[in-house]
Amino acid sequence: MEKIVFMSPPEGFSPKMEVAACYCRVGEKFLFLENSDNKEWASTWSVPAGKIASEETPIEGAIREMFEETGVLLRCDCIVHHKSFYVIHPKYDLIYHTFRVSMQGYPENIVLRAREHKQFAWLTKDEILQLPLMPGARECFLSIVGRGLWG
């Protein structure tokens, strides 16, 4: 498989958008969402994420996307920037800003938009690595949790 996730901008990199993603953890489990059938990567799994609006900062985009995709409203003081990745997809390049969120307990009312996601699950690292993940999702996830970098 060809490498699509980079730690620094690769030669010829020309991003068309920026995306913010929330890696939410409760204990040893992480929140993942399954994409709806009408999405570009139907039936693959990823974390709450989406395109950052032109007037937003990456952290504002992450908070908004988390709320829009799950109904969970995060506070700025509970979200920590991990790093930004440079992702090359066949249709476009993008900057992928990742944020870590440690929660004390599972949110009571996660509400998904049916047009975006089929289901959510709180999963262990091993369970996540068995899922069909969006392109590049495995590399980003392992960067955050695979080497014990979660603070």
N, C-alpha and C. Protein backbone atom coordinates (compact mmCIF):
# COMPACT_ATOMS: atom_id res chain seq x y z
N MET A 1 0.85 -1.18 0.00
CA MET A 1 0.00 0.00 0.00
C MET A 1 0.89 1.24 0.00
N GLU A 2 0.54 2.19 -0.81
CA GLU A 2 1.30 3.42 -0.93
C GLU A 2 1.08 4.32 0.29
N LYS A 3 2.15 4.94 0.73
CA LYS A 3 2.08 5.83 1.89
C LYS A 3 1.26 7.07 1.54
N ILE A 4 0.30 7.42 2.42
CA ILE A 4 -0.51 8.62 2.18
C ILE A 4 -0.44 9.62 3.33
N VAL A 5 0.09 9.20 4.49
CA VAL A 5 0.17 10.06 5.67
C VAL A 5 1.62 10.41 5.93
N PHE A 6 1.88 11.72 6.08
CA PHE A 6 3.24 12.20 6.28
C PHE A 6 3.31 13.10 7.50
N MET A 7 4.47 13.13 8.14
CA MET A 7 4.68 13.97 9.33
C MET A 7 5.03 15.41 8.95
N SER A 8 5.51 15.62 7.75
CA SER A 8 5.80 16.95 7.24
C SER A 8 5.32 16.99 5.79
N PRO A 9 5.10 18.18 5.25
CA PRO A 9 4.57 18.25 3.89
C PRO A 9 5.51 17.58 2.88
N PRO A 10 5.03 16.58 2.14
CA PRO A 10 5.87 15.94 1.13
C PRO A 10 6.04 16.85 -0.09
N GLU A 11 6.98 16.53 -0.93
CA GLU A 11 7.22 17.32 -2.14
C GLU A 11 5.96 17.36 -2.99
N GLY A 12 5.62 18.57 -3.46
CA GLY A 12 4.45 18.74 -4.31
C GLY A 12 3.13 18.80 -3.56
N PHE A 13 3.17 18.81 -2.23
CA PHE A 13 1.95 18.83 -1.41
C PHE A 13 1.20 20.13 -1.62
N SER A 14 -0.10 20.03 -1.93
CA SER A 14 -0.93 21.20 -2.19
C SER A 14 -2.30 20.99 -1.54
N PRO A 15 -2.44 21.32 -0.26
CA PRO A 15 -3.70 21.02 0.45
C PRO A 15 -4.88 21.82 -0.08
N LYS A 16 -6.00 21.12 -0.23
CA LYS A 16 -7.25 21.75 -0.66
C LYS A 16 -8.16 22.05 0.53
N MET A 17 -7.85 21.42 1.69
CA MET A 17 -8.67 21.65 2.88
C MET A 17 -7.87 21.26 4.12
N GLU A 18 -8.42 21.67 5.27
CA GLU A 18 -7.90 21.25 6.57
C GLU A 18 -9.02 20.55 7.31
N VAL A 19 -8.67 19.50 8.02
CA VAL A 19 -9.64 18.68 8.75
C VAL A 19 -9.20 18.63 10.21
N ALA A 20 -10.18 18.64 11.11
CA ALA A 20 -9.92 18.49 12.55
C ALA A 20 -10.56 17.18 13.02
N ALA A 21 -9.82 16.44 13.84
CA ALA A 21 -10.30 15.13 14.32
C ALA A 21 -10.12 15.01 15.82
N CYS A 22 -11.12 14.39 16.48
CA CYS A 22 -11.10 14.19 17.93
C CYS A 22 -10.91 12.71 18.26
N TYR A 23 -9.82 12.40 18.91
CA TYR A 23 -9.55 11.05 19.40
C TYR A 23 -9.96 11.03 20.87
N CYS A 24 -11.16 10.51 21.13
CA CYS A 24 -11.75 10.53 22.48
C CYS A 24 -11.50 9.19 23.17
N ARG A 25 -11.09 9.29 24.42
CA ARG A 25 -10.74 8.10 25.19
C ARG A 25 -11.42 8.11 26.55
N VAL A 26 -11.95 6.94 26.92
CA VAL A 26 -12.43 6.68 28.28
C VAL A 26 -11.70 5.41 28.71
N GLY A 27 -10.80 5.54 29.68
CA GLY A 27 -10.00 4.38 30.10
C GLY A 27 -9.17 3.88 28.94
N GLU A 28 -9.37 2.62 28.57
CA GLU A 28 -8.62 2.01 27.47
C GLU A 28 -9.44 1.91 26.19
N LYS A 29 -10.58 2.61 26.14
CA LYS A 29 -11.45 2.53 24.96
C LYS A 29 -11.54 3.89 24.27
N PHE A 30 -11.71 3.83 22.95
CA PHE A 30 -11.73 5.01 22.10
C PHE A 30 -13.04 5.04 21.30
N LEU A 31 -13.53 6.25 21.05
CA LEU A 31 -14.76 6.43 20.29
C LEU A 31 -14.47 6.40 18.79
N PHE A 32 -15.12 5.48 18.09
CA PHE A 32 -15.03 5.40 16.63
C PHE A 32 -16.44 5.37 16.05
N LEU A 33 -16.58 5.92 14.83
CA LEU A 33 -17.86 6.01 14.14
C LEU A 33 -17.76 5.27 12.80
N GLU A 34 -18.84 4.58 12.44
CA GLU A 34 -18.89 3.92 11.13
C GLU A 34 -19.58 4.83 10.13
N ASN A 35 -18.93 5.09 9.02
CA ASN A 35 -19.49 5.96 7.99
C ASN A 35 -20.72 5.36 7.34
N SER A 36 -21.69 6.23 7.03
CA SER A 36 -22.91 5.82 6.34
C SER A 36 -22.59 5.37 4.92
N ASP A 37 -23.54 4.66 4.32
CA ASP A 37 -23.34 4.12 2.97
C ASP A 37 -23.22 5.20 1.90
N ASN A 38 -23.72 6.39 2.17
CA ASN A 38 -23.68 7.46 1.15
C ASN A 38 -22.39 8.29 1.22
N LYS A 39 -21.52 8.01 2.15
CA LYS A 39 -20.27 8.78 2.29
C LYS A 39 -19.18 8.20 1.38
N GLU A 40 -18.16 9.02 1.14
CA GLU A 40 -17.09 8.62 0.24
C GLU A 40 -16.45 7.29 0.66
N TRP A 41 -16.20 7.11 1.92
CA TRP A 41 -15.62 5.86 2.42
C TRP A 41 -16.68 5.11 3.23
N ALA A 42 -17.71 4.68 2.54
CA ALA A 42 -18.84 3.99 3.16
C ALA A 42 -18.37 2.76 3.94
N SER A 43 -18.99 2.58 5.11
CA SER A 43 -18.77 1.41 5.96
C SER A 43 -17.35 1.29 6.50
N THR A 44 -16.56 2.37 6.42
CA THR A 44 -15.27 2.38 7.10
C THR A 44 -15.45 3.14 8.40
N TRP A 45 -14.49 3.00 9.28
CA TRP A 45 -14.57 3.60 10.61
C TRP A 45 -13.53 4.69 10.76
N SER A 46 -13.87 5.68 11.58
CA SER A 46 -12.94 6.77 11.89
C SER A 46 -13.42 7.46 13.16
N VAL A 47 -12.66 8.44 13.58
CA VAL A 47 -13.04 9.24 14.75
C VAL A 47 -13.89 10.42 14.28
N PRO A 48 -14.58 11.10 15.20
CA PRO A 48 -15.32 12.31 14.82
C PRO A 48 -14.35 13.32 14.19
N ALA A 49 -14.67 13.75 12.98
CA ALA A 49 -13.77 14.65 12.26
C ALA A 49 -14.52 15.32 11.12
N GLY A 50 -13.95 16.42 10.65
CA GLY A 50 -14.54 17.08 9.50
C GLY A 50 -13.76 18.31 9.09
N LYS A 51 -14.19 18.87 7.99
CA LYS A 51 -13.54 20.03 7.39
C LYS A 51 -13.65 21.25 8.30
N ILE A 52 -12.54 21.96 8.43
CA ILE A 52 -12.51 23.19 9.22
C ILE A 52 -13.03 24.33 8.35
N ALA A 53 -13.97 25.09 8.88
CA ALA A 53 -14.51 26.24 8.15
C ALA A 53 -13.46 27.35 8.07
N SER A 54 -13.57 28.20 7.07
CA SER A 54 -12.55 29.23 6.83
C SER A 54 -12.37 30.18 8.01
N GLU A 55 -13.42 30.41 8.79
CA GLU A 55 -13.32 31.34 9.91
C GLU A 55 -12.95 30.66 11.23
N GLU A 56 -12.69 29.36 11.20
CA GLU A 56 -12.40 28.61 12.42
C GLU A 56 -10.91 28.32 12.58
N THR A 57 -10.52 28.16 13.84
CA THR A 57 -9.20 27.60 14.14
C THR A 57 -9.37 26.08 14.15
N PRO A 58 -8.29 25.32 14.09
CA PRO A 58 -8.42 23.86 14.16
C PRO A 58 -9.15 23.38 15.41
N ILE A 59 -8.86 23.96 16.58
CA ILE A 59 -9.54 23.50 17.80
C ILE A 59 -11.03 23.84 17.75
N GLU A 60 -11.39 24.99 17.21
CA GLU A 60 -12.81 25.32 17.07
C GLU A 60 -13.50 24.34 16.12
N GLY A 61 -12.83 23.98 15.04
CA GLY A 61 -13.38 22.99 14.11
C GLY A 61 -13.55 21.64 14.76
N ALA A 62 -12.59 21.23 15.57
CA ALA A 62 -12.68 19.94 16.26
C ALA A 62 -13.87 19.91 17.22
N ILE A 63 -14.04 20.98 17.98
CA ILE A 63 -15.16 21.05 18.93
C ILE A 63 -16.49 21.04 18.18
N ARG A 64 -16.59 21.82 17.10
CA ARG A 64 -17.83 21.86 16.32
C ARG A 64 -18.13 20.51 15.69
N GLU A 65 -17.13 19.90 15.07
CA GLU A 65 -17.35 18.60 14.42
C GLU A 65 -17.76 17.53 15.44
N MET A 66 -17.14 17.52 16.60
CA MET A 66 -17.51 16.57 17.64
C MET A 66 -18.98 16.74 18.01
N PHE A 67 -19.41 17.99 18.17
CA PHE A 67 -20.80 18.25 18.52
C PHE A 67 -21.74 17.84 17.39
N GLU A 68 -21.41 18.24 16.15
CA GLU A 68 -22.28 17.91 15.02
C GLU A 68 -22.39 16.41 14.78
N GLU A 69 -21.31 15.69 15.00
CA GLU A 69 -21.31 14.26 14.69
C GLU A 69 -21.78 13.37 15.83
N THR A 70 -21.72 13.87 17.07
CA THR A 70 -22.09 13.02 18.21
C THR A 70 -23.06 13.65 19.19
N GLY A 71 -23.23 14.97 19.13
CA GLY A 71 -24.05 15.67 20.11
C GLY A 71 -23.30 15.96 21.40
N VAL A 72 -22.01 15.64 21.46
CA VAL A 72 -21.21 15.86 22.65
C VAL A 72 -20.48 17.20 22.50
N LEU A 73 -20.70 18.09 23.46
CA LEU A 73 -20.05 19.40 23.46
C LEU A 73 -18.82 19.36 24.35
N LEU A 74 -17.68 19.59 23.75
CA LEU A 74 -16.41 19.57 24.49
C LEU A 74 -16.07 20.97 24.99
N ARG A 75 -15.36 21.03 26.09
CA ARG A 75 -14.80 22.30 26.59
C ARG A 75 -13.38 22.43 26.03
N CYS A 76 -12.97 23.64 25.77
CA CYS A 76 -11.62 23.88 25.24
C CYS A 76 -10.53 23.32 26.15
N ASP A 77 -10.77 23.32 27.47
CA ASP A 77 -9.72 22.88 28.39
C ASP A 77 -9.57 21.36 28.48
N CYS A 78 -10.43 20.60 27.80
CA CYS A 78 -10.31 19.14 27.86
C CYS A 78 -9.77 18.57 26.55
N ILE A 79 -9.46 19.42 25.61
CA ILE A 79 -9.00 18.97 24.30
C ILE A 79 -7.56 19.41 24.10
N VAL A 80 -6.70 18.47 23.68
CA VAL A 80 -5.27 18.74 23.55
C VAL A 80 -4.83 18.44 22.12
N HIS A 81 -4.15 19.40 21.50
CA HIS A 81 -3.63 19.16 20.15
C HIS A 81 -2.52 18.12 20.22
N HIS A 82 -2.60 17.12 19.36
CA HIS A 82 -1.54 16.10 19.29
C HIS A 82 -0.52 16.50 18.23
N LYS A 83 -0.94 16.48 16.98
CA LYS A 83 -0.08 16.91 15.88
C LYS A 83 -0.91 17.04 14.62
N SER A 84 -0.32 17.64 13.62
CA SER A 84 -0.96 17.76 12.32
C SER A 84 -0.23 16.85 11.34
N PHE A 85 -1.01 16.14 10.54
CA PHE A 85 -0.47 15.24 9.53
C PHE A 85 -0.75 15.84 8.15
N TYR A 86 0.00 15.40 7.18
CA TYR A 86 -0.17 15.84 5.80
C TYR A 86 -0.58 14.61 5.01
N VAL A 87 -1.80 14.65 4.46
CA VAL A 87 -2.42 13.47 3.87
C VAL A 87 -2.63 13.68 2.38
N ILE A 88 -2.21 12.69 1.61
CA ILE A 88 -2.40 12.71 0.16
C ILE A 88 -3.46 11.68 -0.19
N HIS A 89 -4.59 12.15 -0.71
CA HIS A 89 -5.65 11.28 -1.21
C HIS A 89 -5.66 11.38 -2.73
N PRO A 90 -6.24 10.41 -3.42
CA PRO A 90 -6.26 10.48 -4.89
C PRO A 90 -6.91 11.76 -5.43
N LYS A 91 -7.91 12.28 -4.74
CA LYS A 91 -8.64 13.45 -5.24
C LYS A 91 -8.08 14.78 -4.74
N TYR A 92 -7.42 14.77 -3.58
CA TYR A 92 -6.95 16.03 -2.99
C TYR A 92 -5.96 15.76 -1.86
N ASP A 93 -5.19 16.78 -1.52
CA ASP A 93 -4.31 16.75 -0.36
C ASP A 93 -5.01 17.51 0.77
N LEU A 94 -4.71 17.12 2.02
CA LEU A 94 -5.30 17.84 3.15
C LEU A 94 -4.37 17.82 4.35
N ILE A 95 -4.58 18.80 5.22
CA ILE A 95 -3.89 18.85 6.51
C ILE A 95 -4.86 18.31 7.54
N TYR A 96 -4.41 17.33 8.31
CA TYR A 96 -5.27 16.61 9.26
C TYR A 96 -4.77 16.92 10.68
N HIS A 97 -5.51 17.80 11.38
CA HIS A 97 -5.16 18.21 12.75
C HIS A 97 -5.81 17.23 13.72
N THR A 98 -5.00 16.61 14.57
CA THR A 98 -5.53 15.63 15.52
C THR A 98 -5.51 16.19 16.95
N PHE A 99 -6.58 15.88 17.67
CA PHE A 99 -6.75 16.32 19.05
C PHE A 99 -7.08 15.12 19.92
N ARG A 100 -6.55 15.12 21.15
CA ARG A 100 -6.83 14.08 22.14
C ARG A 100 -7.83 14.63 23.15
N VAL A 101 -8.79 13.78 23.52
CA VAL A 101 -9.78 14.13 24.53
C VAL A 101 -9.88 12.97 25.51
N SER A 102 -9.51 13.21 26.77
CA SER A 102 -9.66 12.19 27.81
C SER A 102 -10.93 12.50 28.59
N MET A 103 -11.83 11.54 28.63
CA MET A 103 -13.11 11.72 29.32
C MET A 103 -13.13 10.86 30.58
N GLN A 104 -13.81 11.35 31.61
CA GLN A 104 -13.91 10.61 32.88
C GLN A 104 -14.90 9.45 32.78
N GLY A 105 -15.89 9.59 31.92
CA GLY A 105 -16.90 8.55 31.74
C GLY A 105 -17.49 8.65 30.35
N TYR A 106 -18.27 7.65 29.99
CA TYR A 106 -18.89 7.65 28.66
C TYR A 106 -20.01 8.69 28.62
N PRO A 107 -20.06 9.51 27.56
CA PRO A 107 -21.17 10.45 27.43
C PRO A 107 -22.49 9.69 27.40
N GLU A 108 -23.51 10.24 28.06
CA GLU A 108 -24.79 9.55 28.18
C GLU A 108 -25.59 9.52 26.89
N ASN A 109 -25.55 10.59 26.13
CA ASN A 109 -26.43 10.69 24.97
C ASN A 109 -25.65 11.02 23.70
N ILE A 110 -25.08 10.02 23.06
CA ILE A 110 -24.46 10.24 21.77
C ILE A 110 -25.55 10.14 20.72
N VAL A 111 -25.64 11.18 19.90
CA VAL A 111 -26.65 11.24 18.85
C VAL A 111 -25.94 11.37 17.51
N LEU A 112 -26.13 10.38 16.64
CA LEU A 112 -25.50 10.39 15.33
C LEU A 112 -26.45 10.92 14.27
N ARG A 113 -25.89 11.56 13.26
CA ARG A 113 -26.67 11.96 12.08
C ARG A 113 -26.66 10.77 11.12
N ALA A 114 -27.84 10.26 10.79
CA ALA A 114 -27.93 9.06 9.96
C ALA A 114 -27.27 9.25 8.59
N ARG A 115 -27.28 10.47 8.07
CA ARG A 115 -26.67 10.68 6.75
C ARG A 115 -25.15 10.63 6.82
N GLU A 116 -24.59 10.70 8.03
CA GLU A 116 -23.13 10.68 8.18
C GLU A 116 -22.59 9.38 8.75
N HIS A 117 -23.28 8.83 9.77
CA HIS A 117 -22.75 7.64 10.45
C HIS A 117 -23.84 6.63 10.76
N LYS A 118 -23.47 5.35 10.67
CA LYS A 118 -24.40 4.26 10.97
C LYS A 118 -24.43 3.94 12.45
N GLN A 119 -23.25 3.93 13.07
CA GLN A 119 -23.16 3.53 14.47
C GLN A 119 -21.87 4.05 15.08
N PHE A 120 -21.83 3.99 16.39
CA PHE A 120 -20.61 4.34 17.12
C PHE A 120 -20.27 3.19 18.05
N ALA A 121 -19.03 3.15 18.47
CA ALA A 121 -18.62 2.12 19.42
C ALA A 121 -17.41 2.63 20.20
N TRP A 122 -17.34 2.22 21.45
CA TRP A 122 -16.16 2.46 22.29
C TRP A 122 -15.35 1.18 22.22
N LEU A 123 -14.13 1.27 21.67
CA LEU A 123 -13.35 0.09 21.34
C LEU A 123 -11.92 0.18 21.87
N THR A 124 -11.35 -0.97 22.13
CA THR A 124 -9.94 -1.02 22.53
C THR A 124 -9.06 -0.85 21.29
N LYS A 125 -7.80 -0.59 21.53
CA LYS A 125 -6.84 -0.44 20.43
C LYS A 125 -6.87 -1.68 19.53
N ASP A 126 -6.83 -2.87 20.11
CA ASP A 126 -6.82 -4.09 19.31
C ASP A 126 -8.09 -4.23 18.47
N GLU A 127 -9.24 -3.89 19.05
CA GLU A 127 -10.50 -3.96 18.30
C GLU A 127 -10.49 -2.98 17.13
N ILE A 128 -9.98 -1.78 17.36
CA ILE A 128 -9.93 -0.76 16.30
C ILE A 128 -9.07 -1.22 15.14
N LEU A 129 -7.94 -1.82 15.45
CA LEU A 129 -7.01 -2.24 14.40
C LEU A 129 -7.56 -3.40 13.56
N GLN A 130 -8.65 -4.02 14.00
CA GLN A 130 -9.31 -5.09 13.23
C GLN A 130 -10.40 -4.54 12.30
N LEU A 131 -10.78 -3.28 12.47
CA LEU A 131 -11.86 -2.68 11.69
C LEU A 131 -11.39 -2.26 10.30
N PRO A 132 -12.33 -2.15 9.35
CA PRO A 132 -11.99 -1.49 8.08
C PRO A 132 -11.96 0.02 8.35
N LEU A 133 -10.77 0.59 8.38
CA LEU A 133 -10.60 2.00 8.71
C LEU A 133 -10.49 2.84 7.43
N MET A 134 -10.83 4.13 7.55
CA MET A 134 -10.64 5.05 6.43
C MET A 134 -9.17 5.07 6.04
N PRO A 135 -8.85 5.38 4.79
CA PRO A 135 -7.45 5.47 4.39
C PRO A 135 -6.68 6.45 5.29
N GLY A 136 -5.56 6.01 5.81
CA GLY A 136 -4.72 6.84 6.66
C GLY A 136 -5.08 6.82 8.13
N ALA A 137 -6.26 6.30 8.48
CA ALA A 137 -6.72 6.33 9.87
C ALA A 137 -5.85 5.48 10.78
N ARG A 138 -5.40 4.35 10.28
CA ARG A 138 -4.56 3.46 11.10
C ARG A 138 -3.27 4.17 11.51
N GLU A 139 -2.60 4.80 10.54
CA GLU A 139 -1.33 5.48 10.83
C GLU A 139 -1.51 6.60 11.84
N CYS A 140 -2.57 7.38 11.68
CA CYS A 140 -2.81 8.49 12.62
C CYS A 140 -3.14 7.97 14.02
N PHE A 141 -3.99 6.95 14.10
CA PHE A 141 -4.36 6.36 15.38
C PHE A 141 -3.12 5.81 16.09
N LEU A 142 -2.29 5.07 15.37
CA LEU A 142 -1.09 4.50 15.98
C LEU A 142 -0.10 5.58 16.41
N SER A 143 -0.08 6.68 15.72
CA SER A 143 0.80 7.78 16.14
C SER A 143 0.41 8.30 17.52
N ILE A 144 -0.89 8.30 17.78
CA ILE A 144 -1.38 8.83 19.04
C ILE A 144 -1.32 7.80 20.17
N VAL A 145 -1.75 6.57 19.91
CA VAL A 145 -1.85 5.59 21.00
C VAL A 145 -0.91 4.41 20.87
N GLY A 146 -0.40 4.16 19.70
CA GLY A 146 0.38 2.95 19.46
C GLY A 146 1.74 2.94 20.12
N ARG A 147 2.25 4.08 20.44
CA ARG A 147 3.58 4.14 21.03
C ARG A 147 3.54 4.74 22.43
N GLY A 148 2.38 4.70 23.03
CA GLY A 148 2.25 5.19 24.40
C GLY A 148 2.37 6.70 24.55
N LEU A 149 2.01 7.44 23.50
CA LEU A 149 2.17 8.88 23.52
C LEU A 149 1.00 9.62 24.18
N TRP A 150 -0.03 8.89 24.52
CA TRP A 150 -1.21 9.55 25.10
C TRP A 150 -0.82 10.02 26.50
N GLY A 151 -0.95 11.35 26.74
CA GLY A 151 -0.54 11.89 28.02
C GLY A 151 -1.61 11.93 29.06
